[in-house]
N, C-alpha and C. Protein backbone atom coordinates (compact mmCIF):
# COMPACT_ATOMS: atom_id res chain seq x y z
N MET A 1 21.48 74.19 90.44
CA MET A 1 22.58 74.20 91.39
C MET A 1 23.36 72.89 91.27
N LYS A 2 24.66 73.01 91.14
CA LYS A 2 25.51 71.84 90.97
C LYS A 2 25.77 71.15 92.30
N HIS A 3 25.71 69.83 92.27
CA HIS A 3 25.98 69.02 93.46
C HIS A 3 27.48 69.03 93.77
N ILE A 4 27.83 69.32 95.02
CA ILE A 4 29.22 69.31 95.46
C ILE A 4 29.41 68.10 96.38
N PRO A 5 30.22 67.13 95.96
CA PRO A 5 30.40 65.94 96.80
C PRO A 5 31.13 66.28 98.10
N LEU A 6 30.61 65.74 99.20
CA LEU A 6 31.22 65.93 100.52
C LEU A 6 31.84 64.62 100.97
N ARG A 7 32.97 64.72 101.64
CA ARG A 7 33.64 63.56 102.21
C ARG A 7 34.09 63.93 103.62
N SER A 8 34.33 62.91 104.45
CA SER A 8 34.75 63.14 105.83
C SER A 8 36.22 62.78 106.00
N CYS A 9 36.92 63.64 106.72
CA CYS A 9 38.32 63.37 107.07
C CYS A 9 38.34 62.23 108.10
N ILE A 10 39.24 61.25 107.92
CA ILE A 10 39.29 60.12 108.84
C ILE A 10 39.91 60.49 110.19
N VAL A 11 40.50 61.68 110.28
CA VAL A 11 41.14 62.10 111.53
C VAL A 11 40.21 63.00 112.33
N CYS A 12 39.82 64.14 111.76
CA CYS A 12 39.02 65.12 112.50
C CYS A 12 37.51 64.91 112.32
N ARG A 13 37.12 64.06 111.38
CA ARG A 13 35.73 63.71 111.11
C ARG A 13 34.89 64.87 110.57
N ARG A 14 35.52 65.94 110.12
CA ARG A 14 34.77 67.07 109.55
C ARG A 14 34.42 66.76 108.10
N GLN A 15 33.23 67.15 107.69
CA GLN A 15 32.85 67.00 106.29
C GLN A 15 33.28 68.23 105.53
N LYS A 16 33.91 67.99 104.38
CA LYS A 16 34.39 69.08 103.53
C LYS A 16 34.15 68.70 102.09
N ASP A 17 34.31 69.69 101.21
CA ASP A 17 34.26 69.41 99.78
C ASP A 17 35.35 68.39 99.46
N LYS A 18 35.05 67.54 98.51
CA LYS A 18 36.03 66.52 98.11
C LYS A 18 37.34 67.16 97.66
N SER A 19 37.25 68.34 97.05
CA SER A 19 38.45 69.02 96.55
C SER A 19 39.35 69.55 97.67
N GLU A 20 38.82 69.70 98.87
CA GLU A 20 39.59 70.21 100.01
C GLU A 20 40.31 69.11 100.78
N LEU A 21 40.09 67.86 100.38
CA LEU A 21 40.68 66.72 101.08
C LEU A 21 41.65 65.98 100.17
N LEU A 22 42.54 65.25 100.79
CA LEU A 22 43.52 64.44 100.08
C LEU A 22 43.06 62.99 100.14
N ARG A 23 42.98 62.32 98.99
CA ARG A 23 42.50 60.94 98.94
C ARG A 23 43.70 59.99 98.98
N ILE A 24 43.63 59.03 99.88
CA ILE A 24 44.64 58.00 100.00
C ILE A 24 43.97 56.68 99.63
N VAL A 25 44.54 55.97 98.68
CA VAL A 25 43.89 54.79 98.11
C VAL A 25 44.67 53.52 98.40
N ARG A 26 43.93 52.49 98.81
CA ARG A 26 44.51 51.14 98.87
C ARG A 26 44.07 50.47 97.58
N GLN A 27 45.01 50.26 96.69
CA GLN A 27 44.72 49.71 95.38
C GLN A 27 44.43 48.21 95.48
N PRO A 28 43.80 47.65 94.45
CA PRO A 28 43.47 46.21 94.48
C PRO A 28 44.67 45.30 94.72
N ASP A 29 45.87 45.74 94.32
CA ASP A 29 47.06 44.92 94.55
C ASP A 29 47.64 45.09 95.95
N GLY A 30 47.03 45.95 96.77
CA GLY A 30 47.46 46.15 98.15
C GLY A 30 48.33 47.36 98.38
N ALA A 31 48.78 48.02 97.32
CA ALA A 31 49.61 49.22 97.46
C ALA A 31 48.77 50.38 97.97
N VAL A 32 49.37 51.22 98.80
CA VAL A 32 48.69 52.40 99.33
C VAL A 32 49.40 53.63 98.78
N VAL A 33 48.64 54.49 98.07
CA VAL A 33 49.22 55.67 97.43
C VAL A 33 48.31 56.88 97.62
N ILE A 34 48.89 58.06 97.44
CA ILE A 34 48.09 59.29 97.44
C ILE A 34 47.54 59.47 96.04
N ASP A 35 46.24 59.67 95.95
CA ASP A 35 45.55 59.81 94.66
C ASP A 35 45.30 61.28 94.38
N ALA A 36 46.09 61.85 93.49
CA ALA A 36 45.95 63.27 93.16
C ALA A 36 44.72 63.53 92.30
N THR A 37 44.30 62.55 91.50
CA THR A 37 43.16 62.74 90.61
C THR A 37 41.83 62.55 91.31
N GLY A 38 41.80 61.74 92.37
CA GLY A 38 40.56 61.45 93.06
C GLY A 38 39.73 60.39 92.37
N LYS A 39 40.31 59.71 91.38
CA LYS A 39 39.55 58.74 90.61
C LYS A 39 40.22 57.38 90.50
N ALA A 40 41.29 57.16 91.22
CA ALA A 40 42.02 55.89 91.13
C ALA A 40 41.16 54.75 91.68
N ALA A 41 41.34 53.57 91.11
CA ALA A 41 40.60 52.40 91.56
C ALA A 41 41.09 51.95 92.92
N GLY A 42 40.18 51.55 93.76
CA GLY A 42 40.54 51.04 95.07
C GLY A 42 39.75 51.71 96.18
N ARG A 43 40.03 51.29 97.39
CA ARG A 43 39.35 51.80 98.58
C ARG A 43 39.99 53.12 98.98
N GLY A 44 39.19 54.18 99.06
CA GLY A 44 39.71 55.49 99.37
C GLY A 44 39.42 55.93 100.80
N ALA A 45 40.34 56.69 101.35
CA ALA A 45 40.16 57.34 102.65
C ALA A 45 40.62 58.78 102.47
N TYR A 46 39.95 59.69 103.14
CA TYR A 46 40.22 61.11 102.95
C TYR A 46 40.82 61.73 104.20
N VAL A 47 41.81 62.61 103.98
CA VAL A 47 42.48 63.33 105.06
C VAL A 47 42.54 64.80 104.66
N CYS A 48 42.36 65.70 105.62
CA CYS A 48 42.47 67.14 105.35
C CYS A 48 43.85 67.44 104.78
N LYS A 49 43.91 68.41 103.91
CA LYS A 49 45.20 68.79 103.32
C LYS A 49 46.09 69.51 104.32
N SER A 50 45.55 69.88 105.48
CA SER A 50 46.37 70.54 106.50
C SER A 50 47.38 69.55 107.06
N GLY A 51 48.53 70.04 107.44
CA GLY A 51 49.58 69.18 107.97
C GLY A 51 49.20 68.50 109.27
N ASP A 52 48.36 69.14 110.07
CA ASP A 52 47.98 68.57 111.36
C ASP A 52 47.25 67.24 111.21
N CYS A 53 46.29 67.19 110.31
CA CYS A 53 45.52 65.95 110.14
C CYS A 53 46.39 64.83 109.58
N MET A 54 47.26 65.14 108.64
CA MET A 54 48.12 64.11 108.07
C MET A 54 49.09 63.58 109.12
N GLN A 55 49.66 64.49 109.92
CA GLN A 55 50.58 64.05 110.98
C GLN A 55 49.85 63.19 112.00
N THR A 56 48.63 63.55 112.35
CA THR A 56 47.85 62.77 113.30
C THR A 56 47.49 61.41 112.72
N ALA A 57 47.15 61.37 111.42
CA ALA A 57 46.82 60.10 110.76
C ALA A 57 48.00 59.14 110.82
N VAL A 58 49.21 59.66 110.62
CA VAL A 58 50.41 58.82 110.68
C VAL A 58 50.69 58.41 112.12
N LYS A 59 50.61 59.37 113.03
CA LYS A 59 50.92 59.11 114.43
C LYS A 59 49.97 58.07 115.05
N LYS A 60 48.68 58.21 114.78
CA LYS A 60 47.69 57.33 115.38
C LYS A 60 47.33 56.13 114.50
N ARG A 61 48.00 56.03 113.35
CA ARG A 61 47.75 54.91 112.43
C ARG A 61 46.28 54.84 112.03
N ALA A 62 45.71 55.97 111.67
CA ALA A 62 44.28 56.08 111.33
C ALA A 62 43.90 55.27 110.10
N LEU A 63 44.84 55.05 109.20
CA LEU A 63 44.52 54.27 108.00
C LEU A 63 44.28 52.80 108.32
N ASN A 64 44.85 52.30 109.40
CA ASN A 64 44.57 50.93 109.81
C ASN A 64 43.08 50.75 110.06
N ARG A 65 42.48 51.72 110.72
CA ARG A 65 41.05 51.67 111.02
C ARG A 65 40.22 51.85 109.75
N ALA A 66 40.64 52.77 108.90
CA ALA A 66 39.88 53.05 107.68
C ALA A 66 39.88 51.85 106.73
N TYR A 67 41.00 51.16 106.62
CA TYR A 67 41.10 50.03 105.71
C TYR A 67 40.83 48.69 106.38
N LYS A 68 40.62 48.70 107.69
CA LYS A 68 40.32 47.50 108.47
C LYS A 68 41.40 46.43 108.32
N GLN A 69 42.64 46.89 108.24
CA GLN A 69 43.80 45.99 108.22
C GLN A 69 45.03 46.78 108.61
N PRO A 70 46.00 46.14 109.25
CA PRO A 70 47.22 46.86 109.64
C PRO A 70 48.10 47.17 108.43
N LEU A 71 48.66 48.37 108.42
CA LEU A 71 49.60 48.77 107.37
C LEU A 71 50.99 48.86 107.99
N SER A 72 51.99 48.59 107.20
CA SER A 72 53.37 48.59 107.71
C SER A 72 53.88 50.01 107.93
N ASP A 73 54.94 50.12 108.71
CA ASP A 73 55.58 51.40 108.97
C ASP A 73 56.12 52.02 107.68
N GLU A 74 56.57 51.17 106.75
CA GLU A 74 57.10 51.67 105.48
C GLU A 74 56.04 52.43 104.70
N VAL A 75 54.79 51.93 104.74
CA VAL A 75 53.69 52.60 104.04
C VAL A 75 53.48 53.99 104.61
N TYR A 76 53.48 54.11 105.92
CA TYR A 76 53.29 55.42 106.55
C TYR A 76 54.44 56.36 106.24
N LYS A 77 55.67 55.85 106.21
CA LYS A 77 56.82 56.69 105.87
C LYS A 77 56.73 57.19 104.44
N GLU A 78 56.31 56.32 103.53
CA GLU A 78 56.16 56.71 102.12
C GLU A 78 55.07 57.76 101.97
N LEU A 79 53.98 57.60 102.71
CA LEU A 79 52.89 58.58 102.65
C LEU A 79 53.35 59.94 103.16
N GLU A 80 54.14 59.94 104.22
CA GLU A 80 54.67 61.20 104.74
C GLU A 80 55.55 61.89 103.70
N LYS A 81 56.42 61.12 103.05
CA LYS A 81 57.29 61.69 102.02
C LYS A 81 56.47 62.24 100.86
N ALA A 82 55.47 61.48 100.42
CA ALA A 82 54.63 61.92 99.30
C ALA A 82 53.85 63.17 99.68
N TYR A 83 53.36 63.22 100.92
CA TYR A 83 52.60 64.38 101.37
C TYR A 83 53.50 65.61 101.43
N GLU A 84 54.73 65.44 101.91
CA GLU A 84 55.65 66.58 101.99
C GLU A 84 55.96 67.13 100.61
N SER A 85 56.09 66.25 99.62
CA SER A 85 56.37 66.72 98.26
C SER A 85 55.15 67.45 97.68
N ILE A 86 53.95 67.00 98.01
CA ILE A 86 52.73 67.70 97.55
C ILE A 86 52.60 69.03 98.27
N ASP A 87 52.85 69.02 99.57
CA ASP A 87 52.72 70.23 100.39
C ASP A 87 53.71 71.30 99.97
N ALA A 88 54.88 70.92 99.47
CA ALA A 88 55.89 71.87 99.06
C ALA A 88 55.53 72.59 97.75
N ASP A 89 54.67 71.96 96.94
CA ASP A 89 54.28 72.55 95.66
C ASP A 89 53.44 73.78 95.80
């Protein structure tokens, strides 16, 4: 039986398959990006691919808690735009 990695959503705290979640990475240079491959270097945080969890993460600034540092409003706006482009595909 193959091992299926589980990760927790930072918003709803549900454990799901890694493939069902969207990974958001704070890279070593400080940039925060959506990691489509799931293998980018840096500190990762996972959010459900559903629009509700992503909207709540932006609204409540959940990534600040996950990364233990405040992120700027520009970062959250860029994440929303990137998520909308992924969601449209």
